[in-house]
Amino acid sequence: MNKINVSTEPEDCLQLLDGAEAVEDEPSSLASCLRAFTITEVLSGPNTYECEKCCVPYNKQLRNGMKKRTVEAEKRYLIYEPPPVLTLHLKRFEQ
């Protein structure tokens, strides 16, 4: 059985996720799942973002049939502070 290190310190969580990048050949582990969850996602093509500052005011003035303005963006989920209790949902099938 593998040994698992457990920590309640926020710094340990931040160190784990700092500069997180998904690694294709990395074995499945809690750390690799958290890294995959926090990688930067590029929103482009059909997934572009409707920015509240530059797109929404323009889009409110559109008439029927006109295309909405969107911009390319990057999205990333971050965990600033680990929760007191972390609940994980494990799937037993492959995607």
N, C-alpha and C. Protein backbone atom coordinates (compact mmCIF):
# COMPACT_ATOMS: atom_id res chain seq x y z
N MET A 1 0.85 -1.17 0.00
CA MET A 1 0.00 0.00 0.00
C MET A 1 0.90 1.24 0.00
N ASN A 2 0.51 2.25 -0.77
CA ASN A 2 1.27 3.49 -0.86
C ASN A 2 0.99 4.38 0.34
N LYS A 3 2.02 5.10 0.77
CA LYS A 3 1.88 6.04 1.87
C LYS A 3 1.39 7.37 1.31
N ILE A 4 0.42 7.98 1.98
CA ILE A 4 -0.14 9.26 1.56
C ILE A 4 0.19 10.31 2.61
N ASN A 5 0.77 11.41 2.17
CA ASN A 5 1.06 12.52 3.08
C ASN A 5 -0.17 13.40 3.20
N VAL A 6 -0.51 13.75 4.42
CA VAL A 6 -1.67 14.60 4.68
C VAL A 6 -1.19 15.86 5.38
N SER A 7 -1.75 17.00 4.97
CA SER A 7 -1.37 18.26 5.59
C SER A 7 -2.60 19.14 5.73
N THR A 8 -2.59 19.96 6.75
CA THR A 8 -3.68 20.93 6.94
C THR A 8 -3.20 22.35 6.72
N GLU A 9 -1.97 22.50 6.26
CA GLU A 9 -1.40 23.83 6.05
C GLU A 9 -1.74 24.37 4.66
N PRO A 10 -2.30 25.59 4.57
CA PRO A 10 -2.62 26.18 3.26
C PRO A 10 -1.41 26.27 2.34
N GLU A 11 -0.22 26.50 2.89
CA GLU A 11 0.98 26.64 2.07
C GLU A 11 1.27 25.35 1.30
N ASP A 12 1.00 24.20 1.92
CA ASP A 12 1.25 22.93 1.25
C ASP A 12 0.32 22.76 0.05
N CYS A 13 -0.92 23.20 0.19
CA CYS A 13 -1.88 23.12 -0.92
C CYS A 13 -1.45 24.04 -2.05
N LEU A 14 -1.05 25.25 -1.71
CA LEU A 14 -0.63 26.22 -2.72
C LEU A 14 0.63 25.75 -3.43
N GLN A 15 1.56 25.13 -2.70
CA GLN A 15 2.79 24.63 -3.31
C GLN A 15 2.47 23.52 -4.30
N LEU A 16 1.52 22.67 -3.97
CA LEU A 16 1.12 21.58 -4.85
C LEU A 16 0.56 22.11 -6.16
N LEU A 17 -0.22 23.19 -6.10
CA LEU A 17 -0.90 23.70 -7.28
C LEU A 17 -0.14 24.80 -8.00
N ASP A 18 0.96 25.29 -7.44
CA ASP A 18 1.72 26.37 -8.04
C ASP A 18 2.31 25.92 -9.38
N GLY A 19 1.99 26.65 -10.43
CA GLY A 19 2.51 26.31 -11.75
C GLY A 19 1.97 24.98 -12.24
N ALA A 20 0.76 24.64 -11.86
CA ALA A 20 0.21 23.33 -12.19
C ALA A 20 0.02 23.17 -13.69
N GLU A 21 0.52 22.08 -14.20
CA GLU A 21 0.31 21.70 -15.59
C GLU A 21 -0.02 20.22 -15.64
N ALA A 22 -0.97 19.85 -16.46
CA ALA A 22 -1.33 18.45 -16.58
C ALA A 22 -0.22 17.70 -17.29
N VAL A 23 0.06 16.51 -16.81
CA VAL A 23 1.09 15.67 -17.41
C VAL A 23 0.40 14.42 -17.91
N GLU A 24 0.50 14.16 -19.23
CA GLU A 24 -0.21 13.04 -19.85
C GLU A 24 0.12 11.70 -19.21
N ASP A 25 1.41 11.41 -19.01
CA ASP A 25 1.82 10.09 -18.55
C ASP A 25 1.90 9.97 -17.04
N GLU A 26 1.45 10.98 -16.33
CA GLU A 26 1.51 10.96 -14.88
C GLU A 26 0.46 9.97 -14.35
N PRO A 27 0.83 9.11 -13.41
CA PRO A 27 -0.16 8.18 -12.86
C PRO A 27 -1.26 8.93 -12.12
N SER A 28 -2.45 8.35 -12.08
CA SER A 28 -3.57 9.00 -11.41
C SER A 28 -3.31 9.06 -9.91
N SER A 29 -3.45 10.25 -9.38
CA SER A 29 -3.31 10.47 -7.94
C SER A 29 -4.12 11.71 -7.60
N LEU A 30 -4.29 11.95 -6.32
CA LEU A 30 -5.01 13.15 -5.90
C LEU A 30 -4.29 14.40 -6.38
N ALA A 31 -2.96 14.40 -6.28
CA ALA A 31 -2.18 15.55 -6.72
C ALA A 31 -2.32 15.78 -8.21
N SER A 32 -2.28 14.72 -9.01
CA SER A 32 -2.41 14.88 -10.47
C SER A 32 -3.82 15.35 -10.84
N CYS A 33 -4.83 14.90 -10.12
CA CYS A 33 -6.20 15.35 -10.38
C CYS A 33 -6.36 16.83 -10.05
N LEU A 34 -5.77 17.28 -8.94
CA LEU A 34 -5.84 18.70 -8.58
C LEU A 34 -5.08 19.55 -9.59
N ARG A 35 -3.94 19.05 -10.07
CA ARG A 35 -3.19 19.79 -11.09
C ARG A 35 -4.01 19.91 -12.38
N ALA A 36 -4.66 18.82 -12.79
CA ALA A 36 -5.47 18.85 -14.00
C ALA A 36 -6.66 19.79 -13.83
N PHE A 37 -7.24 19.86 -12.63
CA PHE A 37 -8.38 20.73 -12.36
C PHE A 37 -8.01 22.20 -12.43
N THR A 38 -6.75 22.52 -12.09
CA THR A 38 -6.35 23.92 -11.99
C THR A 38 -5.51 24.42 -13.16
N ILE A 39 -5.39 23.65 -14.25
CA ILE A 39 -4.63 24.14 -15.39
C ILE A 39 -5.41 25.25 -16.10
N THR A 40 -4.70 26.09 -16.80
CA THR A 40 -5.31 27.20 -17.53
C THR A 40 -5.97 26.67 -18.80
N GLU A 41 -7.21 27.09 -19.02
CA GLU A 41 -7.98 26.70 -20.20
C GLU A 41 -8.12 27.92 -21.10
N VAL A 42 -7.81 27.77 -22.38
CA VAL A 42 -7.94 28.87 -23.34
C VAL A 42 -9.34 28.83 -23.93
N LEU A 43 -10.05 29.95 -23.83
CA LEU A 43 -11.39 30.07 -24.39
C LEU A 43 -11.27 30.76 -25.74
N SER A 44 -11.41 29.98 -26.80
CA SER A 44 -11.29 30.52 -28.15
C SER A 44 -12.27 29.79 -29.07
N GLY A 45 -12.36 30.27 -30.30
CA GLY A 45 -13.28 29.65 -31.26
C GLY A 45 -14.71 29.75 -30.78
N PRO A 46 -15.44 28.62 -30.75
CA PRO A 46 -16.83 28.67 -30.32
C PRO A 46 -16.99 28.87 -28.80
N ASN A 47 -15.90 28.79 -28.06
CA ASN A 47 -15.95 28.95 -26.60
C ASN A 47 -15.46 30.31 -26.13
N THR A 48 -15.48 31.32 -26.99
CA THR A 48 -15.01 32.64 -26.58
C THR A 48 -15.90 33.22 -25.49
N TYR A 49 -15.39 34.22 -24.80
CA TYR A 49 -16.01 34.77 -23.60
C TYR A 49 -16.68 36.11 -23.90
N GLU A 50 -17.84 36.34 -23.30
CA GLU A 50 -18.53 37.63 -23.43
C GLU A 50 -18.13 38.50 -22.24
N CYS A 51 -17.10 39.32 -22.44
CA CYS A 51 -16.53 40.16 -21.38
C CYS A 51 -17.56 41.20 -20.92
N GLU A 52 -17.68 41.34 -19.59
CA GLU A 52 -18.65 42.29 -19.03
C GLU A 52 -18.28 43.74 -19.31
N LYS A 53 -17.00 44.05 -19.45
CA LYS A 53 -16.57 45.43 -19.69
C LYS A 53 -16.66 45.83 -21.16
N CYS A 54 -16.13 44.98 -22.04
CA CYS A 54 -16.02 45.42 -23.44
C CYS A 54 -17.09 44.82 -24.37
N CYS A 55 -17.73 43.74 -24.00
CA CYS A 55 -18.69 43.10 -24.91
C CYS A 55 -20.15 43.36 -24.53
N VAL A 56 -20.47 43.30 -23.25
CA VAL A 56 -21.87 43.42 -22.83
C VAL A 56 -22.49 44.75 -23.25
N PRO A 57 -21.82 45.91 -23.04
CA PRO A 57 -22.45 47.18 -23.48
C PRO A 57 -22.73 47.18 -24.99
N TYR A 58 -21.80 46.65 -25.78
CA TYR A 58 -21.98 46.58 -27.23
C TYR A 58 -23.13 45.63 -27.57
N ASN A 59 -23.16 44.47 -26.93
CA ASN A 59 -24.17 43.46 -27.25
C ASN A 59 -25.58 43.89 -26.85
N LYS A 60 -25.71 44.77 -25.86
CA LYS A 60 -27.04 45.25 -25.46
C LYS A 60 -27.66 46.12 -26.55
N GLN A 61 -26.83 46.72 -27.41
CA GLN A 61 -27.32 47.62 -28.45
C GLN A 61 -27.58 46.89 -29.77
N LEU A 62 -27.33 45.60 -29.82
CA LEU A 62 -27.49 44.85 -31.07
C LEU A 62 -28.95 44.70 -31.45
N ARG A 63 -29.17 44.66 -32.74
CA ARG A 63 -30.51 44.37 -33.25
C ARG A 63 -30.56 42.91 -33.65
N ASN A 64 -31.75 42.41 -33.91
CA ASN A 64 -31.91 41.00 -34.30
C ASN A 64 -31.05 40.65 -35.50
N GLY A 65 -30.44 39.48 -35.46
CA GLY A 65 -29.63 39.01 -36.59
C GLY A 65 -28.18 39.43 -36.54
N MET A 66 -27.82 40.36 -35.66
CA MET A 66 -26.43 40.79 -35.57
C MET A 66 -25.67 39.85 -34.63
N LYS A 67 -24.40 39.66 -34.94
CA LYS A 67 -23.58 38.73 -34.16
C LYS A 67 -23.06 39.40 -32.89
N LYS A 68 -23.14 38.67 -31.77
CA LYS A 68 -22.62 39.18 -30.50
C LYS A 68 -21.10 39.27 -30.53
N ARG A 69 -20.57 40.23 -29.82
CA ARG A 69 -19.12 40.39 -29.70
C ARG A 69 -18.63 39.53 -28.53
N THR A 70 -17.57 38.78 -28.77
CA THR A 70 -16.91 37.99 -27.73
C THR A 70 -15.40 38.14 -27.89
N VAL A 71 -14.66 37.75 -26.87
CA VAL A 71 -13.20 37.85 -26.91
C VAL A 71 -12.58 36.53 -26.46
N GLU A 72 -11.35 36.29 -26.94
CA GLU A 72 -10.61 35.13 -26.45
C GLU A 72 -10.14 35.43 -25.03
N ALA A 73 -10.10 34.40 -24.21
CA ALA A 73 -9.70 34.59 -22.81
C ALA A 73 -9.09 33.31 -22.27
N GLU A 74 -8.54 33.41 -21.07
CA GLU A 74 -8.03 32.25 -20.36
C GLU A 74 -8.82 32.10 -19.07
N LYS A 75 -9.13 30.86 -18.72
CA LYS A 75 -9.89 30.57 -17.51
C LYS A 75 -9.10 29.58 -16.67
N ARG A 76 -9.08 29.81 -15.36
CA ARG A 76 -8.37 28.89 -14.48
C ARG A 76 -9.07 28.87 -13.13
N TYR A 77 -9.35 27.68 -12.64
CA TYR A 77 -9.88 27.50 -11.30
C TYR A 77 -8.72 27.43 -10.33
N LEU A 78 -8.80 28.17 -9.23
CA LEU A 78 -7.76 28.16 -8.21
C LEU A 78 -8.37 27.86 -6.85
N ILE A 79 -7.57 27.26 -6.00
CA ILE A 79 -7.97 27.00 -4.63
C ILE A 79 -7.08 27.88 -3.76
N TYR A 80 -7.65 28.97 -3.24
CA TYR A 80 -6.86 29.91 -2.45
C TYR A 80 -6.57 29.39 -1.05
N GLU A 81 -7.52 28.68 -0.49
CA GLU A 81 -7.34 28.13 0.85
C GLU A 81 -8.05 26.78 0.90
N PRO A 82 -7.36 25.75 1.37
CA PRO A 82 -8.02 24.45 1.41
C PRO A 82 -9.18 24.46 2.41
N PRO A 83 -10.24 23.74 2.11
CA PRO A 83 -11.38 23.70 3.02
C PRO A 83 -11.05 22.87 4.26
N PRO A 84 -11.79 23.07 5.36
CA PRO A 84 -11.56 22.26 6.56
C PRO A 84 -11.76 20.77 6.28
N VAL A 85 -12.75 20.46 5.44
CA VAL A 85 -13.01 19.07 5.06
C VAL A 85 -13.11 19.03 3.54
N LEU A 86 -12.31 18.19 2.93
CA LEU A 86 -12.34 18.05 1.47
C LEU A 86 -13.09 16.77 1.12
N THR A 87 -14.17 16.90 0.38
CA THR A 87 -14.95 15.75 -0.05
C THR A 87 -14.65 15.48 -1.51
N LEU A 88 -14.29 14.26 -1.82
CA LEU A 88 -13.95 13.89 -3.19
C LEU A 88 -14.99 12.92 -3.73
N HIS A 89 -15.33 13.09 -4.99
CA HIS A 89 -16.23 12.17 -5.67
C HIS A 89 -15.39 11.38 -6.66
N LEU A 90 -15.27 10.10 -6.46
CA LEU A 90 -14.45 9.25 -7.32
C LEU A 90 -15.34 8.54 -8.32
N LYS A 91 -14.97 8.63 -9.60
CA LYS A 91 -15.71 7.95 -10.65
C LYS A 91 -15.05 6.60 -10.92
N ARG A 92 -15.83 5.58 -11.16
CA ARG A 92 -15.28 4.25 -11.38
C ARG A 92 -15.30 3.87 -12.86
N PHE A 93 -15.30 4.82 -13.73
CA PHE A 93 -15.28 4.53 -15.16
C PHE A 93 -14.39 5.53 -15.86
N GLU A 94 -13.99 5.20 -17.08
CA GLU A 94 -13.12 6.07 -17.86
C GLU A 94 -13.95 6.97 -18.74
N GLN A 95 -13.38 8.13 -19.08
CA GLN A 95 -14.07 9.06 -19.98
C GLN A 95 -13.68 8.76 -21.39
